[in-house]
Amino acid sequence: MFEYLRHNLLPCPLKQLTGIDCPGCGMQRAIVELFDGNILLSLKYYPALIPIIFMLVFLFAHLRFDFKNGTIILKILFLLNGLLILTNYIVKLYNSQLL
């Protein structure tokens, strides 16, 4: 199943139009590698994937159990994930991996 996914990833519309990766490019490959057990390769493709998964698990747990400071923690997690995505994108731009 993972081989099928690996060879049938959805194309990025932004990359098709402009030739430049978007901030989310690499996430599909990272998901496939994570499901295949290649954690380090998954982190190489998209470093924010595992923190995003953690954040989503915490979000659903908070919705179910209504943690006392859950909304504050979620705001912090959203901010940190956004900063991680932005930092990764800037590093990609700096290293010219987008062109």
N, C-alpha and C. Protein backbone atom coordinates (compact mmCIF):
# COMPACT_ATOMS: atom_id res chain seq x y z
N MET A 1 0.81 -1.19 0.00
CA MET A 1 0.00 0.00 0.00
C MET A 1 0.87 1.27 0.00
N PHE A 2 1.95 1.24 0.78
CA PHE A 2 2.81 2.42 0.85
C PHE A 2 3.51 2.67 -0.48
N GLU A 3 3.83 1.59 -1.20
CA GLU A 3 4.45 1.77 -2.51
C GLU A 3 3.48 2.44 -3.47
N TYR A 4 2.20 2.08 -3.37
CA TYR A 4 1.19 2.73 -4.21
C TYR A 4 1.12 4.22 -3.88
N LEU A 5 1.08 4.53 -2.58
CA LEU A 5 1.03 5.94 -2.17
C LEU A 5 2.28 6.69 -2.59
N ARG A 6 3.42 6.02 -2.45
CA ARG A 6 4.70 6.65 -2.78
C ARG A 6 4.74 7.08 -4.25
N HIS A 7 4.11 6.30 -5.12
CA HIS A 7 4.16 6.58 -6.55
C HIS A 7 2.94 7.34 -7.07
N ASN A 8 1.98 7.65 -6.20
CA ASN A 8 0.76 8.34 -6.62
C ASN A 8 0.44 9.52 -5.71
N LEU A 9 1.45 10.32 -5.41
CA LEU A 9 1.25 11.50 -4.57
C LEU A 9 0.54 12.59 -5.38
N LEU A 10 -0.24 13.40 -4.68
CA LEU A 10 -0.93 14.51 -5.33
C LEU A 10 0.08 15.61 -5.67
N PRO A 11 -0.02 16.19 -6.85
CA PRO A 11 0.91 17.28 -7.18
C PRO A 11 0.54 18.57 -6.46
N CYS A 12 1.52 19.39 -6.21
CA CYS A 12 1.31 20.68 -5.56
C CYS A 12 0.87 21.69 -6.63
N PRO A 13 -0.32 22.29 -6.47
CA PRO A 13 -0.78 23.26 -7.47
C PRO A 13 0.15 24.48 -7.59
N LEU A 14 0.67 24.96 -6.47
CA LEU A 14 1.57 26.11 -6.51
C LEU A 14 2.84 25.78 -7.28
N LYS A 15 3.38 24.59 -7.04
CA LYS A 15 4.60 24.20 -7.74
C LYS A 15 4.34 24.01 -9.23
N GLN A 16 3.15 23.49 -9.57
CA GLN A 16 2.81 23.32 -10.98
C GLN A 16 2.68 24.67 -11.68
N LEU A 17 2.14 25.66 -10.98
CA LEU A 17 1.93 26.98 -11.59
C LEU A 17 3.21 27.82 -11.63
N THR A 18 3.99 27.77 -10.55
CA THR A 18 5.14 28.67 -10.43
C THR A 18 6.49 27.98 -10.51
N GLY A 19 6.51 26.68 -10.27
CA GLY A 19 7.78 25.96 -10.23
C GLY A 19 8.48 26.06 -8.88
N ILE A 20 7.82 26.68 -7.90
CA ILE A 20 8.40 26.86 -6.57
C ILE A 20 7.58 26.06 -5.56
N ASP A 21 8.27 25.36 -4.67
CA ASP A 21 7.58 24.61 -3.61
C ASP A 21 6.79 25.56 -2.71
N CYS A 22 5.71 25.05 -2.16
CA CYS A 22 4.95 25.80 -1.16
C CYS A 22 5.46 25.40 0.23
N PRO A 23 5.05 26.09 1.28
CA PRO A 23 5.50 25.72 2.63
C PRO A 23 5.08 24.31 3.05
N GLY A 24 4.09 23.73 2.39
CA GLY A 24 3.63 22.39 2.74
C GLY A 24 4.22 21.29 1.89
N CYS A 25 5.02 21.66 0.89
CA CYS A 25 5.62 20.65 0.02
C CYS A 25 6.53 19.73 0.83
N GLY A 26 6.38 18.46 0.60
CA GLY A 26 7.16 17.45 1.32
C GLY A 26 6.33 16.72 2.37
N MET A 27 5.15 17.25 2.71
CA MET A 27 4.35 16.62 3.76
C MET A 27 3.84 15.24 3.34
N GLN A 28 3.40 15.10 2.09
CA GLN A 28 2.90 13.79 1.66
C GLN A 28 4.01 12.74 1.71
N ARG A 29 5.18 13.10 1.21
CA ARG A 29 6.31 12.17 1.26
C ARG A 29 6.67 11.84 2.70
N ALA A 30 6.61 12.84 3.58
CA ALA A 30 6.93 12.62 4.99
C ALA A 30 5.92 11.68 5.64
N ILE A 31 4.64 11.82 5.29
CA ILE A 31 3.61 10.93 5.84
C ILE A 31 3.85 9.50 5.39
N VAL A 32 4.15 9.31 4.10
CA VAL A 32 4.41 7.96 3.58
C VAL A 32 5.61 7.35 4.28
N GLU A 33 6.68 8.12 4.44
CA GLU A 33 7.87 7.60 5.11
C GLU A 33 7.61 7.30 6.58
N LEU A 34 6.82 8.13 7.24
CA LEU A 34 6.48 7.89 8.64
C LEU A 34 5.69 6.60 8.78
N PHE A 35 4.71 6.39 7.91
CA PHE A 35 3.93 5.15 7.94
C PHE A 35 4.81 3.94 7.61
N ASP A 36 5.85 4.16 6.82
CA ASP A 36 6.75 3.07 6.45
C ASP A 36 7.81 2.83 7.53
N GLY A 37 7.83 3.69 8.57
CA GLY A 37 8.75 3.50 9.69
C GLY A 37 10.06 4.27 9.57
N ASN A 38 10.21 5.07 8.53
CA ASN A 38 11.43 5.85 8.33
C ASN A 38 11.28 7.23 8.97
N ILE A 39 11.45 7.30 10.28
CA ILE A 39 11.21 8.54 11.01
C ILE A 39 12.19 9.63 10.61
N LEU A 40 13.47 9.30 10.49
CA LEU A 40 14.46 10.32 10.14
C LEU A 40 14.25 10.87 8.73
N LEU A 41 13.91 10.00 7.79
CA LEU A 41 13.63 10.46 6.43
C LEU A 41 12.36 11.30 6.40
N SER A 42 11.39 10.93 7.23
CA SER A 42 10.17 11.71 7.34
C SER A 42 10.48 13.11 7.86
N LEU A 43 11.32 13.20 8.87
CA LEU A 43 11.72 14.51 9.41
C LEU A 43 12.51 15.33 8.39
N LYS A 44 13.28 14.64 7.55
CA LYS A 44 14.04 15.35 6.52
C LYS A 44 13.09 15.96 5.49
N TYR A 45 12.07 15.21 5.09
CA TYR A 45 11.13 15.71 4.09
C TYR A 45 10.26 16.84 4.63
N TYR A 46 9.81 16.72 5.88
CA TYR A 46 8.94 17.75 6.45
C TYR A 46 9.07 17.73 7.97
N PRO A 47 9.97 18.55 8.52
CA PRO A 47 10.26 18.53 9.95
C PRO A 47 9.07 18.82 10.86
N ALA A 48 8.05 19.50 10.35
CA ALA A 48 6.92 19.87 11.21
C ALA A 48 5.86 18.78 11.32
N LEU A 49 6.00 17.67 10.59
CA LEU A 49 4.95 16.66 10.57
C LEU A 49 4.69 16.05 11.95
N ILE A 50 5.70 15.61 12.63
CA ILE A 50 5.50 14.96 13.93
C ILE A 50 4.95 15.95 14.96
N PRO A 51 5.47 17.19 15.04
CA PRO A 51 4.83 18.16 15.95
C PRO A 51 3.37 18.45 15.58
N ILE A 52 3.04 18.46 14.29
CA ILE A 52 1.65 18.67 13.88
C ILE A 52 0.78 17.52 14.35
N ILE A 53 1.27 16.30 14.20
CA ILE A 53 0.51 15.13 14.67
C ILE A 53 0.30 15.21 16.17
N PHE A 54 1.36 15.56 16.91
CA PHE A 54 1.24 15.71 18.36
C PHE A 54 0.19 16.76 18.70
N MET A 55 0.22 17.89 17.99
CA MET A 55 -0.73 18.97 18.24
C MET A 55 -2.16 18.50 17.96
N LEU A 56 -2.37 17.77 16.88
CA LEU A 56 -3.72 17.28 16.56
C LEU A 56 -4.23 16.28 17.59
N VAL A 57 -3.33 15.41 18.06
CA VAL A 57 -3.72 14.46 19.12
C VAL A 57 -4.11 15.22 20.38
N PHE A 58 -3.32 16.23 20.74
CA PHE A 58 -3.65 17.04 21.91
C PHE A 58 -4.96 17.79 21.71
N LEU A 59 -5.19 18.31 20.51
CA LEU A 59 -6.43 19.02 20.21
C LEU A 59 -7.65 18.13 20.42
N PHE A 60 -7.61 16.91 19.87
CA PHE A 60 -8.74 16.01 20.04
C PHE A 60 -8.90 15.55 21.48
N ALA A 61 -7.78 15.35 22.18
CA ALA A 61 -7.86 15.00 23.60
C ALA A 61 -8.47 16.14 24.40
N HIS A 62 -8.10 17.37 24.08
CA HIS A 62 -8.66 18.53 24.77
C HIS A 62 -10.16 18.66 24.49
N LEU A 63 -10.56 18.42 23.25
CA LEU A 63 -11.99 18.48 22.92
C LEU A 63 -12.78 17.42 23.68
N ARG A 64 -12.15 16.28 23.91
CA ARG A 64 -12.83 15.18 24.61
C ARG A 64 -12.84 15.38 26.12
N PHE A 65 -11.69 15.79 26.69
CA PHE A 65 -11.55 15.84 28.14
C PHE A 65 -11.54 17.25 28.72
N ASP A 66 -11.51 18.28 27.90
CA ASP A 66 -11.56 19.68 28.32
C ASP A 66 -10.52 19.99 29.40
N PHE A 67 -9.24 19.93 29.02
CA PHE A 67 -8.15 20.22 29.95
C PHE A 67 -8.24 21.66 30.45
N LYS A 68 -7.79 21.87 31.67
CA LYS A 68 -7.91 23.19 32.31
C LYS A 68 -7.22 24.29 31.49
N ASN A 69 -5.99 24.08 31.09
CA ASN A 69 -5.24 25.08 30.31
C ASN A 69 -5.06 24.64 28.86
N GLY A 70 -5.96 23.82 28.38
CA GLY A 70 -5.83 23.26 27.04
C GLY A 70 -5.80 24.29 25.93
N THR A 71 -6.62 25.33 26.04
CA THR A 71 -6.65 26.34 24.97
C THR A 71 -5.35 27.13 24.91
N ILE A 72 -4.77 27.41 26.05
CA ILE A 72 -3.49 28.13 26.07
C ILE A 72 -2.40 27.26 25.47
N ILE A 73 -2.38 25.99 25.86
CA ILE A 73 -1.38 25.07 25.32
C ILE A 73 -1.55 24.93 23.81
N LEU A 74 -2.79 24.84 23.34
CA LEU A 74 -3.04 24.72 21.90
C LEU A 74 -2.58 25.96 21.15
N LYS A 75 -2.81 27.13 21.71
CA LYS A 75 -2.33 28.36 21.06
C LYS A 75 -0.82 28.35 20.93
N ILE A 76 -0.14 27.91 21.99
CA ILE A 76 1.32 27.83 21.95
C ILE A 76 1.77 26.81 20.92
N LEU A 77 1.12 25.64 20.89
CA LEU A 77 1.48 24.61 19.91
C LEU A 77 1.26 25.08 18.48
N PHE A 78 0.14 25.76 18.23
CA PHE A 78 -0.12 26.30 16.89
C PHE A 78 0.97 27.31 16.51
N LEU A 79 1.32 28.18 17.42
CA LEU A 79 2.36 29.18 17.16
C LEU A 79 3.71 28.52 16.87
N LEU A 80 4.09 27.55 17.71
CA LEU A 80 5.37 26.88 17.52
C LEU A 80 5.41 26.11 16.20
N ASN A 81 4.30 25.45 15.86
CA ASN A 81 4.26 24.73 14.58
C ASN A 81 4.34 25.69 13.41
N GLY A 82 3.65 26.82 13.51
CA GLY A 82 3.74 27.83 12.46
C GLY A 82 5.15 28.35 12.29
N LEU A 83 5.83 28.59 13.40
CA LEU A 83 7.21 29.06 13.34
C LEU A 83 8.13 28.00 12.75
N LEU A 84 7.89 26.73 13.09
CA LEU A 84 8.70 25.64 12.55
C LEU A 84 8.50 25.53 11.03
N ILE A 85 7.26 25.64 10.58
CA ILE A 85 6.97 25.58 9.14
C ILE A 85 7.63 26.76 8.43
N LEU A 86 7.50 27.96 8.99
CA LEU A 86 8.09 29.15 8.39
C LEU A 86 9.62 29.05 8.36
N THR A 87 10.21 28.60 9.45
CA THR A 87 11.67 28.45 9.51
C THR A 87 12.16 27.44 8.48
N ASN A 88 11.46 26.31 8.38
CA ASN A 88 11.84 25.29 7.40
C ASN A 88 11.76 25.85 5.99
N TYR A 89 10.72 26.62 5.71
CA TYR A 89 10.55 27.20 4.38
C TYR A 89 11.66 28.21 4.07
N ILE A 90 12.01 29.03 5.04
CA ILE A 90 13.10 30.00 4.84
C ILE A 90 14.42 29.28 4.61
N VAL A 91 14.67 28.21 5.35
CA VAL A 91 15.90 27.44 5.15
C VAL A 91 15.92 26.83 3.76
N LYS A 92 14.77 26.31 3.29
CA LYS A 92 14.69 25.78 1.93
C LYS A 92 14.99 26.87 0.90
N LEU A 93 14.42 28.05 1.11
CA LEU A 93 14.69 29.17 0.20
C LEU A 93 16.17 29.54 0.21
N TYR A 94 16.74 29.60 1.39
CA TYR A 94 18.14 29.98 1.53
C TYR A 94 19.06 28.98 0.85
N ASN A 95 18.73 27.70 0.97
CA ASN A 95 19.54 26.65 0.37
C ASN A 95 19.21 26.42 -1.10
N SER A 96 18.29 27.21 -1.64
CA SER A 96 17.87 27.12 -3.05
C SER A 96 17.34 25.74 -3.42
N GLN A 97 16.72 25.06 -2.48
CA GLN A 97 16.13 23.76 -2.77
C GLN A 97 14.77 23.92 -3.42
N LEU A 98 14.27 25.13 -3.50
CA LEU A 98 12.95 25.34 -4.07
C LEU A 98 13.00 25.59 -5.56
N LEU A 99 14.12 26.00 -6.08
CA LEU A 99 14.19 26.35 -7.49
C LEU A 99 14.77 25.25 -8.33
